[in-house]
Amino acid sequence: MSNLPDQLRKDLLSLRRAIDSVVAAPTVEQAMIDRVYALLHNSKVQGEEHNFSLVSNICSLACGILQRTRSPDDGTWRAVKAHVDALTIIVEHDVSGDGGSLGQRMVEELRGLAKAAGA
């Protein structure tokens, strides 16, 4: 088990559930978007506080997607979900800090995805 704080692990689980709810919802309400954003932002802050820059960088990118999109569509949510999937991989594989060169490549790939999603 890594040094990833338990609260961050719980928040990432809540984030995955919130994203799944948004994707499955027939109509997405602003409160649902706000919930996802709040969880991403909280995880970003926790990453910063506990020296998990890879987590905070990925969360920051995902927050940017939601901030710059007035009306998130399926493509937007796929992009945000890809970021959450990356966070899940980080947790499952106990990646810490900035993730080294592999972590930096991951961030660059996600940055490209965020740009493609309009962020």
N, C-alpha and C. Protein backbone atom coordinates (compact mmCIF):
# COMPACT_ATOMS: atom_id res chain seq x y z
N MET A 1 0.84 -1.19 0.00
CA MET A 1 0.00 0.00 0.00
C MET A 1 0.88 1.25 0.00
N SER A 2 0.59 2.16 -0.84
CA SER A 2 1.40 3.38 -0.94
C SER A 2 1.07 4.33 0.21
N ASN A 3 1.71 5.46 0.17
CA ASN A 3 1.46 6.50 1.15
C ASN A 3 0.28 7.37 0.75
N LEU A 4 -0.43 6.97 -0.27
CA LEU A 4 -1.58 7.74 -0.71
C LEU A 4 -2.58 7.82 0.43
N PRO A 5 -2.96 9.02 0.82
CA PRO A 5 -3.88 9.17 1.96
C PRO A 5 -5.21 8.45 1.72
N ASP A 6 -5.72 7.86 2.79
CA ASP A 6 -6.99 7.12 2.69
C ASP A 6 -8.11 8.01 2.16
N GLN A 7 -8.13 9.28 2.56
CA GLN A 7 -9.19 10.17 2.09
C GLN A 7 -9.12 10.35 0.58
N LEU A 8 -7.92 10.43 0.05
CA LEU A 8 -7.77 10.56 -1.39
C LEU A 8 -8.27 9.31 -2.10
N ARG A 9 -7.96 8.17 -1.55
CA ARG A 9 -8.47 6.91 -2.13
C ARG A 9 -10.00 6.90 -2.13
N LYS A 10 -10.60 7.32 -1.04
CA LYS A 10 -12.07 7.38 -0.94
C LYS A 10 -12.64 8.38 -1.93
N ASP A 11 -11.99 9.54 -2.04
CA ASP A 11 -12.47 10.56 -2.97
C ASP A 11 -12.39 10.08 -4.42
N LEU A 12 -11.35 9.33 -4.74
CA LEU A 12 -11.24 8.81 -6.11
C LEU A 12 -12.33 7.79 -6.40
N LEU A 13 -12.70 7.00 -5.41
CA LEU A 13 -13.81 6.07 -5.57
C LEU A 13 -15.12 6.85 -5.77
N SER A 14 -15.32 7.89 -4.97
CA SER A 14 -16.52 8.74 -5.12
C SER A 14 -16.52 9.42 -6.49
N LEU A 15 -15.37 9.82 -6.94
CA LEU A 15 -15.24 10.48 -8.24
C LEU A 15 -15.64 9.53 -9.36
N ARG A 16 -15.16 8.31 -9.30
CA ARG A 16 -15.51 7.31 -10.32
C ARG A 16 -17.03 7.09 -10.33
N ARG A 17 -17.62 6.98 -9.16
CA ARG A 17 -19.08 6.80 -9.09
C ARG A 17 -19.83 8.01 -9.64
N ALA A 18 -19.35 9.20 -9.33
CA ALA A 18 -19.99 10.42 -9.81
C ALA A 18 -19.92 10.51 -11.33
N ILE A 19 -18.77 10.17 -11.90
CA ILE A 19 -18.61 10.18 -13.36
C ILE A 19 -19.54 9.15 -13.99
N ASP A 20 -19.59 7.95 -13.42
CA ASP A 20 -20.48 6.91 -13.95
C ASP A 20 -21.93 7.37 -13.91
N SER A 21 -22.32 8.07 -12.85
CA SER A 21 -23.69 8.58 -12.74
C SER A 21 -23.99 9.62 -13.81
N VAL A 22 -23.03 10.49 -14.06
CA VAL A 22 -23.22 11.52 -15.09
C VAL A 22 -23.36 10.86 -16.46
N VAL A 23 -22.48 9.93 -16.75
CA VAL A 23 -22.50 9.27 -18.05
C VAL A 23 -23.81 8.50 -18.26
N ALA A 24 -24.34 7.92 -17.20
CA ALA A 24 -25.57 7.13 -17.31
C ALA A 24 -26.85 7.97 -17.27
N ALA A 25 -26.74 9.21 -16.83
CA ALA A 25 -27.93 10.04 -16.65
C ALA A 25 -28.52 10.48 -17.99
N PRO A 26 -29.85 10.43 -18.10
CA PRO A 26 -30.48 10.91 -19.34
C PRO A 26 -30.33 12.43 -19.49
N THR A 27 -30.32 13.14 -18.38
CA THR A 27 -30.13 14.59 -18.37
C THR A 27 -29.10 14.92 -17.29
N VAL A 28 -28.10 15.68 -17.68
CA VAL A 28 -27.06 16.06 -16.73
C VAL A 28 -27.39 17.43 -16.16
N GLU A 29 -27.50 17.47 -14.84
CA GLU A 29 -27.80 18.72 -14.15
C GLU A 29 -26.50 19.38 -13.69
N GLN A 30 -26.52 20.69 -13.53
CA GLN A 30 -25.34 21.43 -13.12
C GLN A 30 -24.79 20.91 -11.79
N ALA A 31 -25.65 20.49 -10.90
CA ALA A 31 -25.19 19.97 -9.61
C ALA A 31 -24.32 18.73 -9.79
N MET A 32 -24.62 17.92 -10.80
CA MET A 32 -23.82 16.72 -11.07
C MET A 32 -22.43 17.13 -11.56
N ILE A 33 -22.39 18.12 -12.44
CA ILE A 33 -21.12 18.62 -12.95
C ILE A 33 -20.31 19.22 -11.81
N ASP A 34 -20.98 20.01 -10.98
CA ASP A 34 -20.32 20.64 -9.84
C ASP A 34 -19.75 19.60 -8.88
N ARG A 35 -20.45 18.51 -8.68
CA ARG A 35 -19.97 17.43 -7.79
C ARG A 35 -18.69 16.82 -8.33
N VAL A 36 -18.68 16.52 -9.62
CA VAL A 36 -17.47 15.95 -10.23
C VAL A 36 -16.32 16.94 -10.10
N TYR A 37 -16.59 18.20 -10.42
CA TYR A 37 -15.55 19.21 -10.34
C TYR A 37 -15.01 19.32 -8.90
N ALA A 38 -15.90 19.35 -7.93
CA ALA A 38 -15.48 19.49 -6.52
C ALA A 38 -14.61 18.31 -6.09
N LEU A 39 -14.98 17.11 -6.50
CA LEU A 39 -14.17 15.94 -6.15
C LEU A 39 -12.80 15.99 -6.82
N LEU A 40 -12.78 16.41 -8.08
CA LEU A 40 -11.50 16.55 -8.79
C LEU A 40 -10.62 17.60 -8.10
N HIS A 41 -11.23 18.72 -7.78
CA HIS A 41 -10.47 19.80 -7.15
C HIS A 41 -9.95 19.37 -5.78
N ASN A 42 -10.78 18.71 -5.00
CA ASN A 42 -10.35 18.23 -3.68
C ASN A 42 -9.19 17.24 -3.81
N SER A 43 -9.28 16.36 -4.79
CA SER A 43 -8.20 15.39 -5.01
C SER A 43 -6.93 16.10 -5.46
N LYS A 44 -7.07 17.12 -6.26
CA LYS A 44 -5.92 17.93 -6.70
C LYS A 44 -5.22 18.53 -5.49
N VAL A 45 -5.99 19.12 -4.60
CA VAL A 45 -5.42 19.75 -3.41
C VAL A 45 -4.74 18.70 -2.52
N GLN A 46 -5.38 17.55 -2.35
CA GLN A 46 -4.77 16.50 -1.54
C GLN A 46 -3.46 16.02 -2.16
N GLY A 47 -3.44 15.91 -3.49
CA GLY A 47 -2.21 15.53 -4.17
C GLY A 47 -1.10 16.53 -3.90
N GLU A 48 -1.44 17.81 -3.94
CA GLU A 48 -0.46 18.86 -3.66
C GLU A 48 0.03 18.79 -2.21
N GLU A 49 -0.90 18.61 -1.29
CA GLU A 49 -0.56 18.59 0.14
C GLU A 49 0.32 17.40 0.51
N HIS A 50 0.18 16.29 -0.21
CA HIS A 50 0.89 15.06 0.16
C HIS A 50 1.97 14.69 -0.85
N ASN A 51 2.39 15.65 -1.67
CA ASN A 51 3.48 15.47 -2.62
C ASN A 51 3.20 14.36 -3.65
N PHE A 52 1.98 14.31 -4.13
CA PHE A 52 1.61 13.42 -5.22
C PHE A 52 1.31 14.30 -6.43
N SER A 53 2.37 14.85 -7.00
CA SER A 53 2.18 15.81 -8.09
C SER A 53 1.52 15.18 -9.30
N LEU A 54 1.72 13.89 -9.53
CA LEU A 54 1.07 13.24 -10.67
C LEU A 54 -0.45 13.30 -10.50
N VAL A 55 -0.92 13.01 -9.29
CA VAL A 55 -2.36 13.08 -9.01
C VAL A 55 -2.86 14.51 -9.18
N SER A 56 -2.15 15.48 -8.61
CA SER A 56 -2.63 16.86 -8.71
C SER A 56 -2.59 17.36 -10.15
N ASN A 57 -1.60 16.97 -10.93
CA ASN A 57 -1.54 17.40 -12.33
C ASN A 57 -2.70 16.83 -13.14
N ILE A 58 -3.00 15.57 -12.95
CA ILE A 58 -4.10 14.94 -13.69
C ILE A 58 -5.43 15.55 -13.28
N CYS A 59 -5.62 15.76 -11.99
CA CYS A 59 -6.86 16.38 -11.52
C CYS A 59 -7.00 17.80 -12.06
N SER A 60 -5.90 18.53 -12.11
CA SER A 60 -5.92 19.89 -12.64
C SER A 60 -6.34 19.90 -14.11
N LEU A 61 -5.81 18.97 -14.89
CA LEU A 61 -6.20 18.87 -16.30
C LEU A 61 -7.70 18.57 -16.44
N ALA A 62 -8.20 17.64 -15.63
CA ALA A 62 -9.62 17.29 -15.70
C ALA A 62 -10.49 18.46 -15.27
N CYS A 63 -10.06 19.19 -14.24
CA CYS A 63 -10.80 20.38 -13.81
C CYS A 63 -10.86 21.39 -14.95
N GLY A 64 -9.75 21.54 -15.65
CA GLY A 64 -9.70 22.46 -16.77
C GLY A 64 -10.70 22.11 -17.87
N ILE A 65 -10.87 20.83 -18.11
CA ILE A 65 -11.85 20.41 -19.12
C ILE A 65 -13.23 20.89 -18.72
N LEU A 66 -13.59 20.68 -17.47
CA LEU A 66 -14.93 21.07 -17.01
C LEU A 66 -15.08 22.58 -16.92
N GLN A 67 -14.03 23.29 -16.58
CA GLN A 67 -14.10 24.76 -16.48
C GLN A 67 -14.29 25.41 -17.84
N ARG A 68 -13.72 24.82 -18.85
CA ARG A 68 -13.73 25.45 -20.17
C ARG A 68 -14.86 24.96 -21.07
N THR A 69 -15.69 24.09 -20.56
CA THR A 69 -16.77 23.53 -21.35
C THR A 69 -18.10 24.01 -20.79
N ARG A 70 -18.83 24.76 -21.58
CA ARG A 70 -20.12 25.28 -21.11
C ARG A 70 -21.18 24.19 -20.98
N SER A 71 -21.20 23.31 -21.92
CA SER A 71 -22.20 22.25 -21.92
C SER A 71 -21.51 20.93 -22.26
N PRO A 72 -21.03 20.21 -21.23
CA PRO A 72 -20.28 18.98 -21.48
C PRO A 72 -21.10 17.96 -22.28
N ASP A 73 -20.47 17.43 -23.34
CA ASP A 73 -21.12 16.41 -24.14
C ASP A 73 -20.45 15.06 -23.87
N ASP A 74 -20.83 14.06 -24.64
CA ASP A 74 -20.27 12.72 -24.42
C ASP A 74 -18.74 12.72 -24.54
N GLY A 75 -18.22 13.46 -25.52
CA GLY A 75 -16.77 13.54 -25.69
C GLY A 75 -16.08 14.15 -24.49
N THR A 76 -16.70 15.16 -23.92
CA THR A 76 -16.15 15.80 -22.72
C THR A 76 -16.07 14.80 -21.58
N TRP A 77 -17.16 14.06 -21.39
CA TRP A 77 -17.18 13.10 -20.28
C TRP A 77 -16.23 11.93 -20.53
N ARG A 78 -16.06 11.54 -21.78
CA ARG A 78 -15.07 10.49 -22.08
C ARG A 78 -13.67 10.98 -21.71
N ALA A 79 -13.39 12.24 -22.01
CA ALA A 79 -12.08 12.81 -21.68
C ALA A 79 -11.88 12.87 -20.17
N VAL A 80 -12.89 13.33 -19.44
CA VAL A 80 -12.79 13.40 -17.97
C VAL A 80 -12.64 11.99 -17.41
N LYS A 81 -13.40 11.05 -17.94
CA LYS A 81 -13.33 9.67 -17.47
C LYS A 81 -11.94 9.07 -17.72
N ALA A 82 -11.31 9.43 -18.83
CA ALA A 82 -9.95 8.95 -19.09
C ALA A 82 -8.99 9.43 -18.01
N HIS A 83 -9.20 10.67 -17.55
CA HIS A 83 -8.38 11.19 -16.46
C HIS A 83 -8.63 10.41 -15.17
N VAL A 84 -9.89 10.11 -14.89
CA VAL A 84 -10.23 9.34 -13.70
C VAL A 84 -9.66 7.92 -13.81
N ASP A 85 -9.71 7.35 -15.00
CA ASP A 85 -9.12 6.02 -15.21
C ASP A 85 -7.62 6.06 -14.92
N ALA A 86 -6.96 7.13 -15.35
CA ALA A 86 -5.53 7.27 -15.08
C ALA A 86 -5.27 7.36 -13.57
N LEU A 87 -6.12 8.10 -12.88
CA LEU A 87 -5.98 8.20 -11.42
C LEU A 87 -6.17 6.84 -10.76
N THR A 88 -7.10 6.07 -11.27
CA THR A 88 -7.35 4.73 -10.73
C THR A 88 -6.12 3.85 -10.92
N ILE A 89 -5.49 3.93 -12.09
CA ILE A 89 -4.27 3.16 -12.36
C ILE A 89 -3.17 3.57 -11.38
N ILE A 90 -3.06 4.86 -11.13
CA ILE A 90 -2.05 5.35 -10.19
C ILE A 90 -2.27 4.75 -8.81
N VAL A 91 -3.52 4.73 -8.36
CA VAL A 91 -3.83 4.17 -7.05
C VAL A 91 -3.57 2.65 -7.03
N GLU A 92 -4.04 1.96 -8.05
CA GLU A 92 -3.90 0.50 -8.10
C GLU A 92 -2.43 0.06 -8.12
N HIS A 93 -1.58 0.88 -8.74
CA HIS A 93 -0.17 0.51 -8.87
C HIS A 93 0.74 1.26 -7.91
N ASP A 94 0.13 1.92 -6.92
CA ASP A 94 0.88 2.60 -5.88
C ASP A 94 1.95 3.54 -6.43
N VAL A 95 1.61 4.29 -7.45
CA VAL A 95 2.53 5.27 -8.02
C VAL A 95 2.57 6.47 -7.09
N SER A 96 3.76 6.97 -6.83
CA SER A 96 3.88 8.11 -5.92
C SER A 96 4.60 9.26 -6.60
N GLY A 97 4.58 10.40 -5.93
CA GLY A 97 5.26 11.58 -6.44
C GLY A 97 4.78 11.99 -7.81
N ASP A 98 5.74 12.19 -8.72
CA ASP A 98 5.39 12.61 -10.07
C ASP A 98 5.29 11.43 -11.04
N GLY A 99 5.55 10.23 -10.56
CA GLY A 99 5.45 9.04 -11.40
C GLY A 99 6.62 8.83 -12.33
N GLY A 100 7.66 9.65 -12.20
CA GLY A 100 8.84 9.50 -13.05
C GLY A 100 8.52 9.78 -14.51
N SER A 101 9.31 9.21 -15.39
CA SER A 101 9.14 9.47 -16.83
C SER A 101 7.82 8.90 -17.34
N LEU A 102 7.39 7.78 -16.82
CA LEU A 102 6.11 7.21 -17.23
C LEU A 102 4.96 8.13 -16.81
N GLY A 103 5.04 8.67 -15.61
CA GLY A 103 4.01 9.60 -15.14
C GLY A 103 3.96 10.86 -15.99
N GLN A 104 5.12 11.35 -16.39
CA GLN A 104 5.16 12.55 -17.22
C GLN A 104 4.59 12.28 -18.62
N ARG A 105 4.84 11.10 -19.16
CA ARG A 105 4.25 10.74 -20.46
C ARG A 105 2.74 10.64 -20.32
N MET A 106 2.28 10.09 -19.20
CA MET A 106 0.84 9.99 -18.96
C MET A 106 0.21 11.38 -18.94
N VAL A 107 0.83 12.32 -18.25
CA VAL A 107 0.31 13.68 -18.18
C VAL A 107 0.28 14.32 -19.57
N GLU A 108 1.33 14.12 -20.35
CA GLU A 108 1.36 14.69 -21.70
C GLU A 108 0.25 14.12 -22.58
N GLU A 109 0.01 12.81 -22.48
CA GLU A 109 -1.08 12.19 -23.25
C GLU A 109 -2.43 12.77 -22.82
N LEU A 110 -2.62 12.90 -21.53
CA LEU A 110 -3.88 13.46 -21.02
C LEU A 110 -4.02 14.93 -21.37
N ARG A 111 -2.93 15.65 -21.39
CA ARG A 111 -2.97 17.06 -21.80
C ARG A 111 -3.45 17.17 -23.25
N GLY A 112 -2.95 16.27 -24.10
CA GLY A 112 -3.42 16.24 -25.49
C GLY A 112 -4.89 15.91 -25.59
N LEU A 113 -5.34 14.98 -24.77
CA LEU A 113 -6.76 14.62 -24.75
C LEU A 113 -7.61 15.80 -24.28
N ALA A 114 -7.12 16.50 -23.27
CA ALA A 114 -7.85 17.68 -22.76
C ALA A 114 -7.97 18.74 -23.84
N LYS A 115 -6.90 18.97 -24.59
CA LYS A 115 -6.93 19.95 -25.68
C LYS A 115 -7.94 19.52 -26.74
N ALA A 116 -7.93 18.23 -27.06
CA ALA A 116 -8.88 17.72 -28.07
C ALA A 116 -10.33 17.88 -27.60
N ALA A 117 -10.52 17.84 -26.27
CA ALA A 117 -11.87 18.00 -25.72
C ALA A 117 -12.26 19.47 -25.56
N GLY A 118 -11.38 20.35 -25.99
CA GLY A 118 -11.71 21.78 -25.95
C GLY A 118 -11.19 22.53 -24.75
N ALA A 119 -10.37 21.89 -23.94
CA ALA A 119 -9.84 22.56 -22.74
C ALA A 119 -8.52 23.22 -23.04
